[in-house]
Amino acid sequence: MPLPLAPVAAVALRYGVVAVAAYALSRKVARSATLQANEDALDSVAEGLAAHHAKDRAQVNAQARWRRVIRFGANGPGIEIDATALGRLKFRKV
């Protein structure tokens, strides 16, 4: 009995396209250094979402932090997820 190659070829083509896209994206991402001042700023963000509009500047600052611990089983191993973001939106007349 012959194997149906059309479905296998379609799946192989799909995974090939994803692999090429991932490779191209990895080549475009620039390397950066880990700066301790930036790490300290991210660690100082409180959990939740906050925004601030400074009266003396035409900008809005926002910060967000989401921390969770996910355990596998009652006393099993777990992982901690810590997602932090800082943002700034500036308006200026030119």
PDB file of N, CA and C in Angstrom:
ATOM      1  N   MET A   1       0.854  -1.170   0.000  1.00  0.00           N
ATOM      2  CA  MET A   1       0.000   0.000   0.000  1.00  0.00           C
ATOM      3  C   MET A   1       0.902   1.237   0.000  1.00  0.00           C
ATOM      4  N   PRO A   2       0.725   2.145  -0.969  1.00  0.00           N
ATOM      5  CA  PRO A   2       1.558   3.345  -1.040  1.00  0.00           C
ATOM      6  C   PRO A   2       1.182   4.350   0.043  1.00  0.00           C
ATOM      7  N   LEU A   3       2.175   5.106   0.475  1.00  0.00           N
ATOM      8  CA  LEU A   3       1.941   6.150   1.474  1.00  0.00           C
ATOM      9  C   LEU A   3       1.397   7.403   0.798  1.00  0.00           C
ATOM     10  N   PRO A   4       0.428   8.049   1.407  1.00  0.00           N
ATOM     11  CA  PRO A   4      -0.055   9.323   0.848  1.00  0.00           C
ATOM     12  C   PRO A   4       0.943  10.437   1.180  1.00  0.00           C
ATOM     13  N   LEU A   5       1.684  10.887   0.190  1.00  0.00           N
ATOM     14  CA  LEU A   5       2.737  11.877   0.420  1.00  0.00           C
ATOM     15  C   LEU A   5       2.223  13.311   0.450  1.00  0.00           C
ATOM     16  N   ALA A   6       1.068  13.575  -0.105  1.00  0.00           N
ATOM     17  CA  ALA A   6       0.564  14.954  -0.140  1.00  0.00           C
ATOM     18  C   ALA A   6       0.347  15.517   1.268  1.00  0.00           C
ATOM     19  N   PRO A   7      -0.319  14.809   2.194  1.00  0.00           N
ATOM     20  CA  PRO A   7      -0.465  15.368   3.551  1.00  0.00           C
ATOM     21  C   PRO A   7       0.866  15.506   4.281  1.00  0.00           C
ATOM     22  N   VAL A   8       1.764  14.546   4.083  1.00  0.00           N
ATOM     23  CA  VAL A   8       3.073  14.610   4.736  1.00  0.00           C
ATOM     24  C   VAL A   8       3.872  15.784   4.182  1.00  0.00           C
ATOM     25  N   ALA A   9       3.803  15.997   2.880  1.00  0.00           N
ATOM     26  CA  ALA A   9       4.522  17.115   2.265  1.00  0.00           C
ATOM     27  C   ALA A   9       3.972  18.452   2.743  1.00  0.00           C
ATOM     28  N   ALA A  10       2.662  18.551   2.922  1.00  0.00           N
ATOM     29  CA  ALA A  10       2.067  19.806   3.403  1.00  0.00           C
ATOM     30  C   ALA A  10       2.538  20.124   4.817  1.00  0.00           C
ATOM     31  N   VAL A  11       2.581  19.123   5.676  1.00  0.00           N
ATOM     32  CA  VAL A  11       3.046  19.331   7.054  1.00  0.00           C
ATOM     33  C   VAL A  11       4.526  19.683   7.064  1.00  0.00           C
ATOM     34  N   ALA A  12       5.322  18.993   6.248  1.00  0.00           N
ATOM     35  CA  ALA A  12       6.757  19.288   6.176  1.00  0.00           C
ATOM     36  C   ALA A  12       6.997  20.699   5.658  1.00  0.00           C
ATOM     37  N   LEU A  13       6.219  21.125   4.672  1.00  0.00           N
ATOM     38  CA  LEU A  13       6.355  22.481   4.146  1.00  0.00           C
ATOM     39  C   LEU A  13       5.995  23.519   5.203  1.00  0.00           C
ATOM     40  N   ARG A  14       4.940  23.261   5.967  1.00  0.00           N
ATOM     41  CA  ARG A  14       4.528  24.196   7.016  1.00  0.00           C
ATOM     42  C   ARG A  14       5.623  24.342   8.071  1.00  0.00           C
ATOM     43  N   TYR A  15       6.177  23.224   8.546  1.00  0.00           N
ATOM     44  CA  TYR A  15       7.243  23.288   9.543  1.00  0.00           C
ATOM     45  C   TYR A  15       8.510  23.914   8.978  1.00  0.00           C
ATOM     46  N   GLY A  16       8.766  23.691   7.702  1.00  0.00           N
ATOM     47  CA  GLY A  16       9.919  24.319   7.061  1.00  0.00           C
ATOM     48  C   GLY A  16       9.788  25.826   7.004  1.00  0.00           C
ATOM     49  N   VAL A  17       8.595  26.314   6.686  1.00  0.00           N
ATOM     50  CA  VAL A  17       8.362  27.761   6.646  1.00  0.00           C
ATOM     51  C   VAL A  17       8.523  28.365   8.032  1.00  0.00           C
ATOM     52  N   VAL A  18       8.008  27.696   9.054  1.00  0.00           N
ATOM     53  CA  VAL A  18       8.150  28.189  10.429  1.00  0.00           C
ATOM     54  C   VAL A  18       9.618  28.209  10.836  1.00  0.00           C
ATOM     55  N   ALA A  19      10.374  27.184  10.464  1.00  0.00           N
ATOM     56  CA  ALA A  19      11.798  27.130  10.813  1.00  0.00           C
ATOM     57  C   ALA A  19      12.577  28.239  10.122  1.00  0.00           C
ATOM     58  N   VAL A  20      12.293  28.496   8.853  1.00  0.00           N
ATOM     59  CA  VAL A  20      12.984  29.568   8.132  1.00  0.00           C
ATOM     60  C   VAL A  20      12.622  30.929   8.717  1.00  0.00           C
ATOM     61  N   ALA A  21      11.350  31.132   9.073  1.00  0.00           N
ATOM     62  CA  ALA A  21      10.940  32.401   9.679  1.00  0.00           C
ATOM     63  C   ALA A  21      11.615  32.603  11.033  1.00  0.00           C
ATOM     64  N   ALA A  22      11.705  31.552  11.844  1.00  0.00           N
ATOM     65  CA  ALA A  22      12.373  31.663  13.146  1.00  0.00           C
ATOM     66  C   ALA A  22      13.857  31.957  12.973  1.00  0.00           C
ATOM     67  N   TYR A  23      14.486  31.337  12.004  1.00  0.00           N
ATOM     68  CA  TYR A  23      15.906  31.593  11.741  1.00  0.00           C
ATOM     69  C   TYR A  23      16.119  33.038  11.291  1.00  0.00           C
ATOM     70  N   ALA A  24      15.268  33.527  10.389  1.00  0.00           N
ATOM     71  CA  ALA A  24      15.401  34.906   9.910  1.00  0.00           C
ATOM     72  C   ALA A  24      15.183  35.900  11.046  1.00  0.00           C
ATOM     73  N   LEU A  25      14.213  35.637  11.907  1.00  0.00           N
ATOM     74  CA  LEU A  25      13.961  36.524  13.045  1.00  0.00           C
ATOM     75  C   LEU A  25      15.132  36.510  14.019  1.00  0.00           C
ATOM     76  N   SER A  26      15.721  35.346  14.248  1.00  0.00           N
ATOM     77  CA  SER A  26      16.854  35.276  15.177  1.00  0.00           C
ATOM     78  C   SER A  26      18.073  36.014  14.633  1.00  0.00           C
ATOM     79  N   ARG A  27      18.201  36.131  13.332  1.00  0.00           N
ATOM     80  CA  ARG A  27      19.319  36.867  12.745  1.00  0.00           C
ATOM     81  C   ARG A  27      19.113  38.376  12.846  1.00  0.00           C
ATOM     82  N   LYS A  28      17.861  38.834  12.931  1.00  0.00           N
ATOM     83  CA  LYS A  28      17.556  40.264  12.982  1.00  0.00           C
ATOM     84  C   LYS A  28      17.644  40.848  14.391  1.00  0.00           C
ATOM     85  N   VAL A  29      17.513  40.015  15.416  1.00  0.00           N
ATOM     86  CA  VAL A  29      17.519  40.495  16.794  1.00  0.00           C
ATOM     87  C   VAL A  29      18.954  40.833  17.191  1.00  0.00           C
ATOM     88  N   ALA A  30      19.151  42.061  17.663  1.00  0.00           N
ATOM     89  CA  ALA A  30      20.487  42.511  18.060  1.00  0.00           C
ATOM     90  C   ALA A  30      20.801  42.043  19.483  1.00  0.00           C
ATOM     91  N   ARG A  31      22.067  41.874  19.765  1.00  0.00           N
ATOM     92  CA  ARG A  31      22.503  41.499  21.112  1.00  0.00           C
ATOM     93  C   ARG A  31      22.523  42.742  21.994  1.00  0.00           C
ATOM     94  N   SER A  32      22.181  42.547  23.252  1.00  0.00           N
ATOM     95  CA  SER A  32      22.205  43.666  24.187  1.00  0.00           C
ATOM     96  C   SER A  32      22.860  43.212  25.488  1.00  0.00           C
ATOM     97  N   ALA A  33      23.297  44.183  26.241  1.00  0.00           N
ATOM     98  CA  ALA A  33      23.932  43.907  27.531  1.00  0.00           C
ATOM     99  C   ALA A  33      22.883  43.972  28.634  1.00  0.00           C
ATOM    100  N   THR A  34      23.142  43.275  29.729  1.00  0.00           N
ATOM    101  CA  THR A  34      22.287  43.347  30.903  1.00  0.00           C
ATOM    102  C   THR A  34      22.852  44.421  31.821  1.00  0.00           C
ATOM    103  N   LEU A  35      22.115  45.506  31.979  1.00  0.00           N
ATOM    104  CA  LEU A  35      22.556  46.616  32.818  1.00  0.00           C
ATOM    105  C   LEU A  35      21.907  46.493  34.195  1.00  0.00           C
ATOM    106  N   GLN A  36      22.700  46.597  35.239  1.00  0.00           N
ATOM    107  CA  GLN A  36      22.189  46.434  36.592  1.00  0.00           C
ATOM    108  C   GLN A  36      21.195  47.526  36.958  1.00  0.00           C
ATOM    109  N   ALA A  37      21.394  48.746  36.461  1.00  0.00           N
ATOM    110  CA  ALA A  37      20.445  49.830  36.750  1.00  0.00           C
ATOM    111  C   ALA A  37      19.065  49.504  36.179  1.00  0.00           C
ATOM    112  N   ASN A  38      19.025  48.917  34.987  1.00  0.00           N
ATOM    113  CA  ASN A  38      17.743  48.524  34.398  1.00  0.00           C
ATOM    114  C   ASN A  38      17.100  47.392  35.187  1.00  0.00           C
ATOM    115  N   GLU A  39      17.894  46.436  35.617  1.00  0.00           N
ATOM    116  CA  GLU A  39      17.378  45.331  36.427  1.00  0.00           C
ATOM    117  C   GLU A  39      16.790  45.847  37.740  1.00  0.00           C
ATOM    118  N   ASP A  40      17.468  46.801  38.380  1.00  0.00           N
ATOM    119  CA  ASP A  40      16.961  47.376  39.628  1.00  0.00           C
ATOM    120  C   ASP A  40      15.658  48.130  39.398  1.00  0.00           C
ATOM    121  N   ALA A  41      15.555  48.849  38.278  1.00  0.00           N
ATOM    122  CA  ALA A  41      14.320  49.574  37.968  1.00  0.00           C
ATOM    123  C   ALA A  41      13.162  48.605  37.751  1.00  0.00           C
ATOM    124  N   LEU A  42      13.403  47.502  37.066  1.00  0.00           N
ATOM    125  CA  LEU A  42      12.343  46.517  36.849  1.00  0.00           C
ATOM    126  C   LEU A  42      11.960  45.818  38.147  1.00  0.00           C
ATOM    127  N   ASP A  43      12.935  45.566  39.026  1.00  0.00           N
ATOM    128  CA  ASP A  43      12.641  44.923  40.304  1.00  0.00           C
ATOM    129  C   ASP A  43      11.864  45.833  41.247  1.00  0.00           C
ATOM    130  N   SER A  44      11.964  47.149  41.071  1.00  0.00           N
ATOM    131  CA  SER A  44      11.281  48.079  41.975  1.00  0.00           C
ATOM    132  C   SER A  44       9.824  48.324  41.593  1.00  0.00           C
ATOM    133  N   VAL A  45       9.371  47.805  40.469  1.00  0.00           N
ATOM    134  CA  VAL A  45       7.983  48.000  40.040  1.00  0.00           C
ATOM    135  C   VAL A  45       7.065  47.171  40.927  1.00  0.00           C
ATOM    136  N   ALA A  46       5.991  47.802  41.420  1.00  0.00           N
ATOM    137  CA  ALA A  46       5.019  47.100  42.254  1.00  0.00           C
ATOM    138  C   ALA A  46       4.105  46.250  41.373  1.00  0.00           C
ATOM    139  N   GLU A  47       3.551  45.194  41.971  1.00  0.00           N
ATOM    140  CA  GLU A  47       2.671  44.322  41.198  1.00  0.00           C
ATOM    141  C   GLU A  47       1.374  45.050  40.871  1.00  0.00           C
ATOM    142  N   GLY A  48       0.895  44.867  39.670  1.00  0.00           N
ATOM    143  CA  GLY A  48      -0.316  45.520  39.193  1.00  0.00           C
ATOM    144  C   GLY A  48       0.002  46.470  38.056  1.00  0.00           C
ATOM    145  N   LEU A  49      -0.958  47.321  37.735  1.00  0.00           N
ATOM    146  CA  LEU A  49      -0.830  48.271  36.636  1.00  0.00           C
ATOM    147  C   LEU A  49      -0.977  49.680  37.187  1.00  0.00           C
ATOM    148  N   ALA A  50      -0.097  50.580  36.774  1.00  0.00           N
ATOM    149  CA  ALA A  50      -0.151  51.967  37.238  1.00  0.00           C
ATOM    150  C   ALA A  50       0.258  52.888  36.100  1.00  0.00           C
ATOM    151  N   ALA A  51      -0.321  54.096  36.093  1.00  0.00           N
ATOM    152  CA  ALA A  51       0.032  55.105  35.091  1.00  0.00           C
ATOM    153  C   ALA A  51       0.103  56.456  35.780  1.00  0.00           C
ATOM    154  N   HIS A  52       0.898  57.360  35.221  1.00  0.00           N
ATOM    155  CA  HIS A  52       1.107  58.677  35.817  1.00  0.00           C
ATOM    156  C   HIS A  52       1.273  59.700  34.706  1.00  0.00           C
ATOM    157  N   HIS A  53       0.591  60.824  34.845  1.00  0.00           N
ATOM    158  CA  HIS A  53       0.726  61.935  33.902  1.00  0.00           C
ATOM    159  C   HIS A  53       1.384  63.088  34.645  1.00  0.00           C
ATOM    160  N   ALA A  54       2.613  63.399  34.279  1.00  0.00           N
ATOM    161  CA  ALA A  54       3.332  64.504  34.918  1.00  0.00           C
ATOM    162  C   ALA A  54       2.787  65.830  34.401  1.00  0.00           C
ATOM    163  N   LYS A  55       2.493  66.754  35.303  1.00  0.00           N
ATOM    164  CA  LYS A  55       1.924  68.050  34.914  1.00  0.00           C
ATOM    165  C   LYS A  55       2.947  68.944  34.230  1.00  0.00           C
ATOM    166  N   ASP A  56       4.209  68.800  34.578  1.00  0.00           N
ATOM    167  CA  ASP A  56       5.223  69.666  33.990  1.00  0.00           C
ATOM    168  C   ASP A  56       5.756  69.131  32.661  1.00  0.00           C
ATOM    169  N   ARG A  57       5.344  67.950  32.250  1.00  0.00           N
ATOM    170  CA  ARG A  57       5.806  67.362  30.993  1.00  0.00           C
ATOM    171  C   ARG A  57       4.613  66.849  30.202  1.00  0.00           C
ATOM    172  N   ALA A  58       4.769  66.795  28.921  1.00  0.00           N
ATOM    173  CA  ALA A  58       3.715  66.259  28.065  1.00  0.00           C
ATOM    174  C   ALA A  58       3.986  64.777  27.817  1.00  0.00           C
ATOM    175  N   GLN A  59       3.928  64.001  28.871  1.00  0.00           N
ATOM    176  CA  GLN A  59       4.179  62.570  28.737  1.00  0.00           C
ATOM    177  C   GLN A  59       3.354  61.797  29.748  1.00  0.00           C
ATOM    178  N   VAL A  60       3.137  60.546  29.433  1.00  0.00           N
ATOM    179  CA  VAL A  60       2.445  59.625  30.322  1.00  0.00           C
ATOM    180  C   VAL A  60       3.379  58.445  30.562  1.00  0.00           C
ATOM    181  N   ASN A  61       3.594  58.109  31.820  1.00  0.00           N
ATOM    182  CA  ASN A  61       4.426  56.968  32.191  1.00  0.00           C
ATOM    183  C   ASN A  61       3.522  55.850  32.703  1.00  0.00           C
ATOM    184  N   ALA A  62       3.846  54.619  32.355  1.00  0.00           N
ATOM    185  CA  ALA A  62       3.059  53.473  32.804  1.00  0.00           C
ATOM    186  C   ALA A  62       4.000  52.349  33.211  1.00  0.00           C
ATOM    187  N   GLN A  63       3.537  51.545  34.148  1.00  0.00           N
ATOM    188  CA  GLN A  63       4.302  50.383  34.584  1.00  0.00           C
ATOM    189  C   GLN A  63       3.338  49.265  34.935  1.00  0.00           C
ATOM    190  N   ALA A  64       3.791  48.044  34.734  1.00  0.00           N
ATOM    191  CA  ALA A  64       2.962  46.876  35.028  1.00  0.00           C
ATOM    192  C   ALA A  64       3.860  45.733  35.473  1.00  0.00           C
ATOM    193  N   ARG A  65       3.335  44.939  36.395  1.00  0.00           N
ATOM    194  CA  ARG A  65       4.073  43.756  36.854  1.00  0.00           C
ATOM    195  C   ARG A  65       3.082  42.655  37.173  1.00  0.00           C
ATOM    196  N   TRP A  66       3.417  41.456  36.737  1.00  0.00           N
ATOM    197  CA  TRP A  66       2.594  40.280  36.968  1.00  0.00           C
ATOM    198  C   TRP A  66       3.513  39.166  37.436  1.00  0.00           C
ATOM    199  N   ARG A  67       3.287  38.696  38.669  1.00  0.00           N
ATOM    200  CA  ARG A  67       4.115  37.627  39.248  1.00  0.00           C
ATOM    201  C   ARG A  67       3.214  36.481  39.677  1.00  0.00           C
ATOM    202  N   ARG A  68       3.579  35.275  39.272  1.00  0.00           N
ATOM    203  CA  ARG A  68       2.828  34.085  39.656  1.00  0.00           C
ATOM    204  C   ARG A  68       3.798  32.928  39.854  1.00  0.00           C
ATOM    205  N   VAL A  69       3.402  32.014  40.734  1.00  0.00           N
ATOM    206  CA  VAL A  69       4.126  30.757  40.920  1.00  0.00           C
ATOM    207  C   VAL A  69       3.182  29.644  40.493  1.00  0.00           C
ATOM    208  N   ILE A  70       3.647  28.810  39.584  1.00  0.00           N
ATOM    209  CA  ILE A  70       2.848  27.692  39.087  1.00  0.00           C
ATOM    210  C   ILE A  70       3.510  26.415  39.572  1.00  0.00           C
ATOM    211  N   ARG A  71       2.734  25.595  40.295  1.00  0.00           N
ATOM    212  CA  ARG A  71       3.250  24.338  40.835  1.00  0.00           C
ATOM    213  C   ARG A  71       2.595  23.167  40.110  1.00  0.00           C
ATOM    214  N   PHE A  72       3.365  22.130  39.927  1.00  0.00           N
ATOM    215  CA  PHE A  72       2.880  20.898  39.329  1.00  0.00           C
ATOM    216  C   PHE A  72       2.632  19.906  40.456  1.00  0.00           C
ATOM    217  N   GLY A  73       1.397  19.802  40.901  1.00  0.00           N
ATOM    218  CA  GLY A  73       1.052  18.968  42.047  1.00  0.00           C
ATOM    219  C   GLY A  73       1.007  19.814  43.310  1.00  0.00           C
ATOM    220  N   ALA A  74       0.567  19.196  44.414  1.00  0.00           N
ATOM    221  CA  ALA A  74       0.421  19.932  45.671  1.00  0.00           C
ATOM    222  C   ALA A  74       1.762  20.412  46.208  1.00  0.00           C
ATOM    223  N   ASN A  75       2.745  19.545  46.253  1.00  0.00           N
ATOM    224  CA  ASN A  75       4.075  19.902  46.749  1.00  0.00           C
ATOM    225  C   ASN A  75       5.144  19.666  45.689  1.00  0.00           C
ATOM    226  N   GLY A  76       4.738  19.622  44.452  1.00  0.00           N
ATOM    227  CA  GLY A  76       5.669  19.313  43.377  1.00  0.00           C
ATOM    228  C   GLY A  76       6.521  20.502  42.979  1.00  0.00           C
ATOM    229  N   PRO A  77       7.356  20.298  41.976  1.00  0.00           N
ATOM    230  CA  PRO A  77       8.209  21.389  41.505  1.00  0.00           C
ATOM    231  C   PRO A  77       7.371  22.488  40.860  1.00  0.00           C
ATOM    232  N   GLY A  78       7.899  23.667  40.866  1.00  0.00           N
ATOM    233  CA  GLY A  78       7.166  24.788  40.298  1.00  0.00           C
ATOM    234  C   GLY A  78       8.086  25.761  39.599  1.00  0.00           C
ATOM    235  N   ILE A  79       7.481  26.717  38.928  1.00  0.00           N
ATOM    236  CA  ILE A  79       8.225  27.789  38.276  1.00  0.00           C
ATOM    237  C   ILE A  79       7.597  29.118  38.667  1.00  0.00           C
ATOM    238  N   GLU A  80       8.422  30.138  38.736  1.00  0.00           N
ATOM    239  CA  GLU A  80       7.936  31.484  39.023  1.00  0.00           C
ATOM    240  C   GLU A  80       7.997  32.294  37.735  1.00  0.00           C
ATOM    241  N   ILE A  81       6.898  32.967  37.425  1.00  0.00           N
ATOM    242  CA  ILE A  81       6.823  33.831  36.254  1.00  0.00           C
ATOM    243  C   ILE A  81       6.774  35.267  36.752  1.00  0.00           C
ATOM    244  N   ASP A  82       7.683  36.097  36.267  1.00  0.00           N
ATOM    245  CA  ASP A  82       7.755  37.506  36.654  1.00  0.00           C
ATOM    246  C   ASP A  82       7.837  38.329  35.372  1.00  0.00           C
ATOM    247  N   ALA A  83       6.719  38.930  34.983  1.00  0.00           N
ATOM    248  CA  ALA A  83       6.669  39.748  33.768  1.00  0.00           C
ATOM    249  C   ALA A  83       6.528  41.207  34.186  1.00  0.00           C
ATOM    250  N   THR A  84       7.464  42.044  33.761  1.00  0.00           N
ATOM    251  CA  THR A  84       7.474  43.457  34.120  1.00  0.00           C
ATOM    252  C   THR A  84       7.633  44.288  32.861  1.00  0.00           C
ATOM    253  N   ALA A  85       6.901  45.406  32.799  1.00  0.00           N
ATOM    254  CA  ALA A  85       6.997  46.293  31.636  1.00  0.00           C
ATOM    255  C   ALA A  85       6.966  47.740  32.105  1.00  0.00           C
ATOM    256  N   LEU A  86       7.774  48.552  31.464  1.00  0.00           N
ATOM    257  CA  LEU A  86       7.779  49.993  31.681  1.00  0.00           C
ATOM    258  C   LEU A  86       7.467  50.649  30.342  1.00  0.00           C
ATOM    259  N   GLY A  87       6.711  51.732  30.372  1.00  0.00           N
ATOM    260  CA  GLY A  87       6.395  52.411  29.117  1.00  0.00           C
ATOM    261  C   GLY A  87       6.332  53.910  29.294  1.00  0.00           C
ATOM    262  N   ARG A  88       6.580  54.609  28.191  1.00  0.00           N
ATOM    263  CA  ARG A  88       6.510  56.065  28.210  1.00  0.00           C
ATOM    264  C   ARG A  88       5.963  56.516  26.866  1.00  0.00           C
ATOM    265  N   LEU A  89       5.024  57.439  26.922  1.00  0.00           N
ATOM    266  CA  LEU A  89       4.448  58.030  25.723  1.00  0.00           C
ATOM    267  C   LEU A  89       4.617  59.534  25.838  1.00  0.00           C
ATOM    268  N   LYS A  90       5.361  60.121  24.895  1.00  0.00           N
ATOM    269  CA  LYS A  90       5.658  61.556  24.948  1.00  0.00           C
ATOM    270  C   LYS A  90       4.993  62.267  23.777  1.00  0.00           C
ATOM    271  N   PHE A  91       4.478  63.466  24.066  1.00  0.00           N
ATOM    272  CA  PHE A  91       3.916  64.336  23.041  1.00  0.00           C
ATOM    273  C   PHE A  91       4.721  65.622  23.017  1.00  0.00           C
ATOM    274  N   ARG A  92       5.038  66.095  21.814  1.00  0.00           N
ATOM    275  CA  ARG A  92       5.824  67.313  21.689  1.00  0.00           C
ATOM    276  C   ARG A  92       5.410  68.035  20.414  1.00  0.00           C
ATOM    277  N   LYS A  93       5.189  69.322  20.529  1.00  0.00           N
ATOM    278  CA  LYS A  93       4.891  70.119  19.341  1.00  0.00           C
ATOM    279  C   LYS A  93       6.175  70.373  18.575  1.00  0.00           C
ATOM    280  N   VAL A  94       6.111  70.255  17.273  1.00  0.00           N
ATOM    281  CA  VAL A  94       7.289  70.505  16.440  1.00  0.00           C
ATOM    282  C   VAL A  94       7.005  71.615  15.454  1.00  0.00           C
TER     283      VAL A  94
END
